[in-house]
C-alpha atoms as a PDB file:
ATOM      1  CA  ALA A   1     -48.051  12.102 122.459  1.00  0.00           C
ATOM      2  CA  ALA A   2     -50.947   9.934 123.621  1.00  0.00           C
ATOM      3  CA  PHE A   3     -52.167  10.140 127.212  1.00  0.00           C
ATOM      4  CA  THR A   4     -54.732   7.842 128.819  1.00  0.00           C
ATOM      5  CA  PHE A   5     -56.902   9.329 131.562  1.00  0.00           C
ATOM      6  CA  GLU A   6     -59.012   7.380 134.037  1.00  0.00           C
ATOM      7  CA  SER A   7     -62.006   8.812 135.895  1.00  0.00           C
ATOM      8  CA  PRO A   8     -62.814   7.983 139.543  1.00  0.00           C
ATOM      9  CA  ALA A   9     -65.474   5.601 138.210  1.00  0.00           C
ATOM     10  CA  GLY A  10     -62.877   3.693 136.176  1.00  0.00           C
ATOM     11  CA  ALA A  11     -63.792   4.963 132.695  1.00  0.00           C
ATOM     12  CA  ARG A  12     -60.786   5.474 130.438  1.00  0.00           C
ATOM     13  CA  ARG A  13     -60.174   7.884 127.604  1.00  0.00           C
ATOM     14  CA  THR A  14     -57.076   8.243 125.428  1.00  0.00           C
ATOM     15  CA  VAL A  15     -56.247  11.681 124.048  1.00  0.00           C
ATOM     16  CA  THR A  16     -53.534  12.479 121.531  1.00  0.00           C
ATOM     17  CA  LEU A  17     -51.947  15.848 122.264  1.00  0.00           C
ATOM     18  CA  GLN A  18     -50.440  17.966 119.509  1.00  0.00           C
ATOM     19  CA  PRO A  19     -47.696  20.576 119.941  1.00  0.00           C
ATOM     20  CA  VAL A  20     -48.630  24.243 119.585  1.00  0.00           C
ATOM     21  CA  GLY A  21     -46.599  27.311 118.730  1.00  0.00           C
ATOM     22  CA  ALA A  22     -45.503  29.866 121.298  1.00  0.00           C
ATOM     23  CA  GLY A  23     -48.081  32.372 120.037  1.00  0.00           C
ATOM     24  CA  ALA A  24     -50.953  29.922 120.480  1.00  0.00           C
ATOM     25  CA  TYR A  25     -49.735  29.013 123.951  1.00  0.00           C
ATOM     26  CA  ALA A  26     -49.476  32.667 124.963  1.00  0.00           C
ATOM     27  CA  SER A  27     -52.978  33.336 123.657  1.00  0.00           C
ATOM     28  CA  ALA A  28     -54.486  30.350 125.489  1.00  0.00           C
ATOM     29  CA  PHE A  29     -52.745  30.748 128.826  1.00  0.00           C
ATOM     30  CA  GLY A  30     -52.071  34.469 129.099  1.00  0.00           C
ATOM     31  CA  PHE A  31     -48.299  34.127 129.074  1.00  0.00           C
ATOM     32  CA  GLY A  32     -46.886  37.469 130.160  1.00  0.00           C
ATOM     33  CA  GLY A  33     -43.196  36.952 130.866  1.00  0.00           C
ATOM     34  CA  ARG A  34     -43.524  33.891 133.076  1.00  0.00           C
ATOM     35  CA  ILE A  35     -45.742  30.841 133.180  1.00  0.00           C
ATOM     36  CA  ASN A  36     -48.625  31.316 135.594  1.00  0.00           C
ATOM     37  CA  ALA A  37     -48.672  28.869 138.489  1.00  0.00           C
ATOM     38  CA  VAL A  38     -52.385  28.207 138.049  1.00  0.00           C
ATOM     39  CA  PRO A  39     -53.294  28.940 134.399  1.00  0.00           C
ATOM     40  CA  ASN A  40     -56.975  28.597 133.513  1.00  0.00           C
ATOM     41  CA  LEU A  41     -57.871  26.300 136.404  1.00  0.00           C
ATOM     42  CA  PRO A  42     -61.581  26.070 137.244  1.00  0.00           C
ATOM     43  CA  ALA A  43     -62.528  28.916 139.580  1.00  0.00           C
ATOM     44  CA  ALA A  44     -65.285  27.136 141.515  1.00  0.00           C
ATOM     45  CA  ARG A  45     -64.530  26.297 145.158  1.00  0.00           C
ATOM     46  CA  GLN A  46     -60.908  27.361 144.980  1.00  0.00           C
ATOM     47  CA  PRO A  47     -59.156  27.708 148.342  1.00  0.00           C
ATOM     48  CA  ARG A  48     -58.351  31.248 149.443  1.00  0.00           C
ATOM     49  CA  TYR A  49     -54.730  31.337 148.289  1.00  0.00           C
ATOM     50  CA  LEU A  50     -55.730  30.438 144.720  1.00  0.00           C
ATOM     51  CA  ARG A  51     -58.685  32.836 144.601  1.00  0.00           C
ATOM     52  CA  PHE A  52     -56.270  35.687 145.307  1.00  0.00           C
ATOM     53  CA  SER A  53     -53.423  34.400 143.120  1.00  0.00           C
ATOM     54  CA  ALA A  54     -53.509  37.490 140.862  1.00  0.00           C
ATOM     55  CA  ARG A  55     -52.578  39.771 143.776  1.00  0.00           C
ATOM     56  CA  ARG A  56     -48.931  40.439 144.496  1.00  0.00           C
ATOM     57  CA  ARG A  57     -49.605  40.372 148.232  1.00  0.00           C
ATOM     58  CA  TRP A  58     -52.557  40.330 150.600  1.00  0.00           C
ATOM     59  CA  ILE A  59     -53.360  39.926 154.280  1.00  0.00           C
ATOM     60  CA  ALA A  60     -56.492  38.783 156.123  1.00  0.00           C
ATOM     61  CA  THR A  61     -57.613  37.192 159.385  1.00  0.00           C
ATOM     62  CA  LEU A  62     -58.965  33.714 160.055  1.00  0.00           C
ATOM     63  CA  ASP A  63     -60.445  31.847 162.977  1.00  0.00           C
ATOM     64  CA  ARG A  64     -62.316  34.858 164.397  1.00  0.00           C
ATOM     65  CA  GLY A  65     -59.227  37.032 164.402  1.00  0.00           C
ATOM     66  CA  ARG A  66     -56.958  34.494 166.079  1.00  0.00           C
ATOM     67  CA  THR A  67     -54.910  33.834 162.914  1.00  0.00           C
ATOM     68  CA  ILE A  68     -53.197  36.279 160.576  1.00  0.00           C
ATOM     69  CA  HIS A  69     -52.938  34.863 157.047  1.00  0.00           C
ATOM     70  CA  ALA A  70     -50.758  36.819 154.624  1.00  0.00           C
ATOM     71  CA  ALA A  71     -49.566  35.952 151.126  1.00  0.00           C
ATOM     72  CA  TYR A  72     -46.449  37.212 149.360  1.00  0.00           C
ATOM     73  CA  ASN A  73     -47.037  36.098 145.759  1.00  0.00           C
ATOM     74  CA  GLU A  74     -44.254  38.091 144.106  1.00  0.00           C
ATOM     75  CA  THR A  75     -40.833  38.988 145.447  1.00  0.00           C
ATOM     76  CA  SER A  76     -41.194  42.728 145.101  1.00  0.00           C
ATOM     77  CA  SER A  77     -41.519  45.563 147.632  1.00  0.00           C
ATOM     78  CA  SER A  78     -42.472  44.077 151.000  1.00  0.00           C
ATOM     79  CA  TYR A  79     -42.479  47.184 153.196  1.00  0.00           C
ATOM     80  CA  GLU A  80     -46.254  47.683 153.407  1.00  0.00           C
ATOM     81  CA  LEU A  81     -46.952  43.979 153.958  1.00  0.00           C
ATOM     82  CA  ALA A  82     -44.265  43.749 156.648  1.00  0.00           C
ATOM     83  CA  ARG A  83     -45.589  46.785 158.498  1.00  0.00           C
ATOM     84  CA  GLU A  84     -49.192  45.540 158.387  1.00  0.00           C
ATOM     85  CA  LEU A  85     -48.153  42.047 159.454  1.00  0.00           C
ATOM     86  CA  VAL A  86     -46.401  43.355 162.570  1.00  0.00           C
ATOM     87  CA  ARG A  87     -49.285  45.683 163.387  1.00  0.00           C
ATOM     88  CA  ARG A  88     -51.876  42.923 163.209  1.00  0.00           C
ATOM     89  CA  ALA A  89     -49.676  40.370 164.983  1.00  0.00           C
ATOM     90  CA  ARG A  90     -49.658  42.604 168.073  1.00  0.00           C
ATOM     91  CA  GLY A  91     -53.373  42.033 168.545  1.00  0.00           C
ATOM     92  CA  ARG A  92     -54.269  40.365 171.833  1.00  0.00           C
ATOM     93  CA  ARG A  93     -56.353  37.638 170.217  1.00  0.00           C
ATOM     94  CA  VAL A  94     -53.726  36.510 167.692  1.00  0.00           C
ATOM     95  CA  ARG A  95     -52.491  32.949 168.199  1.00  0.00           C
ATOM     96  CA  ARG A  96     -51.050  32.130 164.763  1.00  0.00           C
ATOM     97  CA  VAL A  97     -49.214  34.069 162.053  1.00  0.00           C
ATOM     98  CA  ILE A  98     -49.111  32.409 158.630  1.00  0.00           C
ATOM     99  CA  LEU A  99     -47.120  33.654 155.634  1.00  0.00           C
ATOM    100  CA  ASP A 100     -47.979  31.993 152.330  1.00  0.00           C
ATOM    101  CA  LEU A 101     -45.188  31.672 149.735  1.00  0.00           C
ATOM    102  CA  ARG A 102     -46.731  28.833 147.723  1.00  0.00           C
ATOM    103  CA  LEU A 103     -47.383  30.914 144.589  1.00  0.00           C
ATOM    104  CA  ASN A 104     -44.266  33.075 144.741  1.00  0.00           C
ATOM    105  CA  GLN A 105     -42.180  32.308 141.655  1.00  0.00           C
ATOM    106  CA  GLY A 106     -39.565  34.941 142.416  1.00  0.00           C
ATOM    107  CA  GLY A 107     -38.666  38.485 141.519  1.00  0.00           C
ATOM    108  CA  ASP A 108     -36.032  40.691 143.165  1.00  0.00           C
ATOM    109  CA  ASN A 109     -34.368  39.099 146.179  1.00  0.00           C
ATOM    110  CA  THR A 110     -33.268  42.509 147.493  1.00  0.00           C
ATOM    111  CA  GLN A 111     -36.917  43.421 148.112  1.00  0.00           C
ATOM    112  CA  TYR A 112     -37.912  40.924 150.814  1.00  0.00           C
ATOM    113  CA  TRP A 113     -35.646  42.110 153.632  1.00  0.00           C
ATOM    114  CA  GLU A 114     -38.311  44.220 155.333  1.00  0.00           C
ATOM    115  CA  LEU A 115     -40.562  41.175 155.403  1.00  0.00           C
ATOM    116  CA  LEU A 116     -37.784  38.934 156.719  1.00  0.00           C
ATOM    117  CA  ARG A 117     -37.061  41.438 159.491  1.00  0.00           C
ATOM    118  CA  ALA A 118     -40.756  41.461 160.363  1.00  0.00           C
ATOM    119  CA  LEU A 119     -40.746  37.670 160.672  1.00  0.00           C
ATOM    120  CA  ARG A 120     -37.897  37.973 163.184  1.00  0.00           C
ATOM    121  CA  ARG A 121     -39.836  40.432 165.362  1.00  0.00           C
ATOM    122  CA  PRO A 122     -41.070  39.005 168.698  1.00  0.00           C
ATOM    123  CA  ALA A 123     -44.586  40.196 167.927  1.00  0.00           C
ATOM    124  CA  VAL A 124     -44.679  37.878 164.910  1.00  0.00           C
ATOM    125  CA  GLY A 125     -42.572  34.865 165.845  1.00  0.00           C
ATOM    126  CA  ARG A 126     -42.801  34.520 169.621  1.00  0.00           C
ATOM    127  CA  GLY A 127     -43.942  31.254 171.156  1.00  0.00           C
ATOM    128  CA  GLY A 128     -43.474  29.243 167.988  1.00  0.00           C
ATOM    129  CA  ARG A 129     -46.637  30.606 166.432  1.00  0.00           C
ATOM    130  CA  LEU A 130     -45.156  31.561 163.035  1.00  0.00           C
ATOM    131  CA  ARG A 131     -45.875  29.281 160.069  1.00  0.00           C
ATOM    132  CA  VAL A 132     -44.552  29.779 156.534  1.00  0.00           C
ATOM    133  CA  LEU A 133     -46.196  27.840 153.702  1.00  0.00           C
ATOM    134  CA  ILE A 134     -43.990  26.684 150.810  1.00  0.00           C
ATOM    135  CA  GLY A 135     -44.508  24.495 147.761  1.00  0.00           C
ATOM    136  CA  ARG A 136     -43.573  23.494 144.233  1.00  0.00           C
ATOM    137  CA  HIS A 137     -44.116  27.021 142.868  1.00  0.00           C
ATOM    138  CA  THR A 138     -41.802  28.622 145.451  1.00  0.00           C
ATOM    139  CA  TYR A 139     -38.529  29.220 143.647  1.00  0.00           C
ATOM    140  CA  SER A 140     -35.959  31.716 142.323  1.00  0.00           C
ATOM    141  CA  ALA A 141     -35.933  34.762 144.645  1.00  0.00           C
ATOM    142  CA  ALA A 142     -38.724  33.176 146.688  1.00  0.00           C
ATOM    143  CA  GLY A 143     -36.499  30.121 147.097  1.00  0.00           C
ATOM    144  CA  ASN A 144     -33.840  32.454 148.517  1.00  0.00           C
ATOM    145  CA  LEU A 145     -36.434  33.848 150.919  1.00  0.00           C
ATOM    146  CA  ALA A 146     -37.550  30.374 152.001  1.00  0.00           C
ATOM    147  CA  ALA A 147     -33.927  29.484 152.761  1.00  0.00           C
ATOM    148  CA  ASP A 148     -33.507  32.654 154.819  1.00  0.00           C
ATOM    149  CA  VAL A 149     -36.754  31.966 156.678  1.00  0.00           C
ATOM    150  CA  ASP A 150     -35.494  28.461 157.440  1.00  0.00           C
ATOM    151  CA  THR A 151     -32.142  29.620 158.806  1.00  0.00           C
ATOM    152  CA  ARG A 152     -32.898  33.080 160.234  1.00  0.00           C
ATOM    153  CA  THR A 153     -36.328  32.795 161.866  1.00  0.00           C
ATOM    154  CA  ARG A 154     -38.222  30.582 164.293  1.00  0.00           C
ATOM    155  CA  ALA A 155     -40.872  29.729 161.716  1.00  0.00           C
ATOM    156  CA  ARG A 156     -42.077  26.218 161.025  1.00  0.00           C
ATOM    157  CA  LEU A 157     -42.252  25.491 157.303  1.00  0.00           C
ATOM    158  CA  VAL A 158     -45.388  23.683 156.124  1.00  0.00           C
ATOM    159  CA  GLY A 159     -46.242  22.241 152.707  1.00  0.00           C
ATOM    160  CA  GLU A 160     -44.101  20.730 149.959  1.00  0.00           C
ATOM    161  CA  PRO A 161     -40.379  21.200 149.234  1.00  0.00           C
ATOM    162  CA  THR A 162     -39.684  24.372 147.286  1.00  0.00           C
ATOM    163  CA  GLY A 163     -39.612  24.116 143.508  1.00  0.00           C
ATOM    164  CA  GLY A 164     -36.115  25.569 143.393  1.00  0.00           C
ATOM    165  CA  SER A 165     -32.906  25.222 145.376  1.00  0.00           C
ATOM    166  CA  PRO A 166     -31.863  27.702 148.097  1.00  0.00           C
ATOM    167  CA  SER A 167     -28.911  28.807 145.936  1.00  0.00           C
ATOM    168  CA  ASN A 168     -29.412  29.473 142.257  1.00  0.00           C
ATOM    169  CA  TRP A 169     -28.534  31.588 139.248  1.00  0.00           C
ATOM    170  CA  GLY A 170     -30.368  34.891 138.898  1.00  0.00           C
ATOM    171  CA  ASP A 171     -30.224  38.506 137.696  1.00  0.00           C
ATOM    172  CA  SER A 172     -31.496  37.522 134.275  1.00  0.00           C
ATOM    173  CA  THR A 173     -31.154  39.460 131.065  1.00  0.00           C
ATOM    174  CA  PRO A 174     -33.589  39.110 128.121  1.00  0.00           C
ATOM    175  CA  VAL A 175     -32.545  37.459 124.859  1.00  0.00           C
ATOM    176  CA  VAL A 176     -35.043  37.811 122.000  1.00  0.00           C
ATOM    177  CA  LEU A 177     -35.615  34.701 119.869  1.00  0.00           C
ATOM    178  CA  ARG A 178     -36.999  36.362 116.762  1.00  0.00           C
ATOM    179  CA  THR A 179     -37.798  33.133 114.929  1.00  0.00           C
ATOM    180  CA  LEU A 180     -40.071  32.021 117.788  1.00  0.00           C
ATOM    181  CA  GLY A 181     -41.329  35.490 118.561  1.00  0.00           C
ATOM    182  CA  ILE A 182     -40.543  35.305 122.279  1.00  0.00           C
ATOM    183  CA  ALA A 183     -37.890  36.493 124.706  1.00  0.00           C
ATOM    184  CA  VAL A 184     -36.077  34.178 127.080  1.00  0.00           C
ATOM    185  CA  TYR A 185     -34.280  35.299 130.222  1.00  0.00           C
ATOM    186  CA  VAL A 186     -30.720  34.126 130.819  1.00  0.00           C
ATOM    187  CA  ALA A 187     -29.313  34.239 134.359  1.00  0.00           C
ATOM    188  CA  THR A 188     -26.058  36.133 134.848  1.00  0.00           C
ATOM    189  CA  SER A 189     -25.082  35.789 138.544  1.00  0.00           C
ATOM    190  CA  TYR A 190     -25.015  33.086 141.219  1.00  0.00           C
ATOM    191  CA  GLN A 191     -27.136  33.720 144.332  1.00  0.00           C
ATOM    192  CA  GLN A 192     -25.790  31.760 147.314  1.00  0.00           C
ATOM    193  CA  TYR A 193     -28.193  31.001 150.158  1.00  0.00           C
ATOM    194  CA  GLY A 194     -28.138  28.226 152.738  1.00  0.00           C
ATOM    195  CA  ASP A 195     -26.801  24.797 151.824  1.00  0.00           C
ATOM    196  CA  GLN A 196     -25.353  24.990 148.292  1.00  0.00           C
ATOM    197  CA  SER A 197     -25.759  21.227 147.837  1.00  0.00           C
ATOM    198  CA  ALA A 198     -29.484  21.273 148.677  1.00  0.00           C
ATOM    199  CA  LEU A 199     -31.927  20.872 145.801  1.00  0.00           C
ATOM    200  CA  ALA A 200     -34.796  22.399 147.793  1.00  0.00           C
ATOM    201  CA  THR A 201     -35.770  23.887 151.136  1.00  0.00           C
ATOM    202  CA  ARG A 202     -37.794  21.188 152.837  1.00  0.00           C
ATOM    203  CA  PRO A 203     -40.762  21.749 155.142  1.00  0.00           C
ATOM    204  CA  ASN A 204     -40.819  20.788 158.809  1.00  0.00           C
ATOM    205  CA  VAL A 205     -44.347  19.491 158.221  1.00  0.00           C
ATOM    206  CA  ARG A 206     -44.831  17.959 154.781  1.00  0.00           C
ATOM    207  CA  VAL A 207     -48.298  18.146 153.241  1.00  0.00           C
ATOM    208  CA  ASP A 208     -48.684  16.993 149.626  1.00  0.00           C
ATOM    209  CA  LEU A 209     -51.230  18.388 147.192  1.00  0.00           C
ATOM    210  CA  THR A 210     -53.877  16.149 145.619  1.00  0.00           C
ATOM    211  CA  SER A 211     -56.377  16.738 142.837  1.00  0.00           C
ATOM    212  CA  ALA A 212     -59.150  15.536 145.179  1.00  0.00           C
ATOM    213  CA  ASP A 213     -58.364  18.346 147.627  1.00  0.00           C
ATOM    214  CA  TYR A 214     -58.249  20.898 144.821  1.00  0.00           C
ATOM    215  CA  PHE A 215     -61.604  19.987 143.272  1.00  0.00           C
ATOM    216  CA  ALA A 216     -63.200  19.868 146.726  1.00  0.00           C
ATOM    217  CA  GLY A 217     -61.882  23.365 147.484  1.00  0.00           C
ATOM    218  CA  ARG A 218     -59.793  22.112 150.396  1.00  0.00           C
ATOM    219  CA  ASP A 219     -56.438  23.513 151.505  1.00  0.00           C
ATOM    220  CA  PRO A 220     -54.734  20.779 153.571  1.00  0.00           C
ATOM    221  CA  VAL A 221     -51.547  22.854 153.890  1.00  0.00           C
ATOM    222  CA  LEU A 222     -53.384  25.692 155.599  1.00  0.00           C
ATOM    223  CA  VAL A 223     -55.280  23.218 157.775  1.00  0.00           C
ATOM    224  CA  ALA A 224     -51.965  21.693 158.929  1.00  0.00           C
ATOM    225  CA  ALA A 225     -50.544  25.153 159.649  1.00  0.00           C
ATOM    226  CA  LEU A 226     -53.524  25.968 161.861  1.00  0.00           C
ATOM    227  CA  ARG A 227     -52.984  22.941 164.076  1.00  0.00           C
END
């Protein structure tokens, strides 16, 4: 397939792309069971949530301690994150609590209940100060969580629509494709959350991503959540 690229200065270049085998793809992009949300992107000037994309979860403060910014990048055990989020949210200076789900591609949807309960606590959600960031890489079990956040908490959702629907098939089982040398995962049960007809959970405040923001190291979604 031939693709033509144009630079900001107007220069054009046409590149013909060739298919590669699964082994070559895995070697180039570090495929380890799922496709990374941000494979091999340039590391310079990355916004915070991308710099810490390899971590399953993390929590920090912004704006001189007035904002708690936490990320839940994998739908796995949430007990420690939930406990720390509530503890920090009780601080007198805290004005905003932000939970980042933009890089969460799923996991086990039975593991996020402690976090969801924390988001419902007055210390976290009072006064409309809770923001949850969603985007195109929020799907599967994280899509279930986003739907629950939308219907069960007072959070305002900021970012792009989720990459998956609130309800979906899950509980996958591996099937080995020996000819290709890879395993695929086939869903076995239907997970019903929110509106079954919805294709995505949509944000209250939509903020689209642009390449210009990325290469400048800007995070317009976080900026919107801080307003």
